Amino acid sequence: MEFEQLIDTAEEWCSGNPFELIAAECSDERRLDFYAEPRFSFYVLCPDANCDTDSFHVWSENEDCLPFLQRAQDYISACGRKSFVQVLDEVFSSFRPLLDLPDTDDTETFEQYHTNVEEEPETDHQQLAVSQQ
């Protein structure tokens, strides 16, 4: 993907979450820097458009963010090529605890459970008589 396309994709991705694209550099490396309040940042090193073997790499200069980025980096390193948006989505998912956002998987599970409980009809329980003998 050309660098200008990466920038456009990053700006579009930022419109749906708390991160903003704060820098884009294409001199020695193709690097996009992102930031979210209160002080969470990361950057993505993008593979050269002509190189089929390189993959994305995520990192942060903020040490508090590094443990959360490890999950995203593991995802990137796993089998199969990942798209730029998939990488960004995984980083966002990894940062959810830092941003005080609920885990989407847990929320969906709870909402599905809550909906199912409300929709189940109540069953009439038979009154059991106790005989005294």
Foldseek 3Di string as FASTA:
>chain_A
DDLVVLVVVQQVLCVVDQKDFDDFDDDPFTKTKIAGPPGDIKMKTCDDPPDPPDAIDMDDPDPVLHVLCVQLRVVCPDPDHDDPVRSVVSSCLSCCVVVVHDRVVVVVVVVVVVVVVVPDDDDDDDDDDDDDD
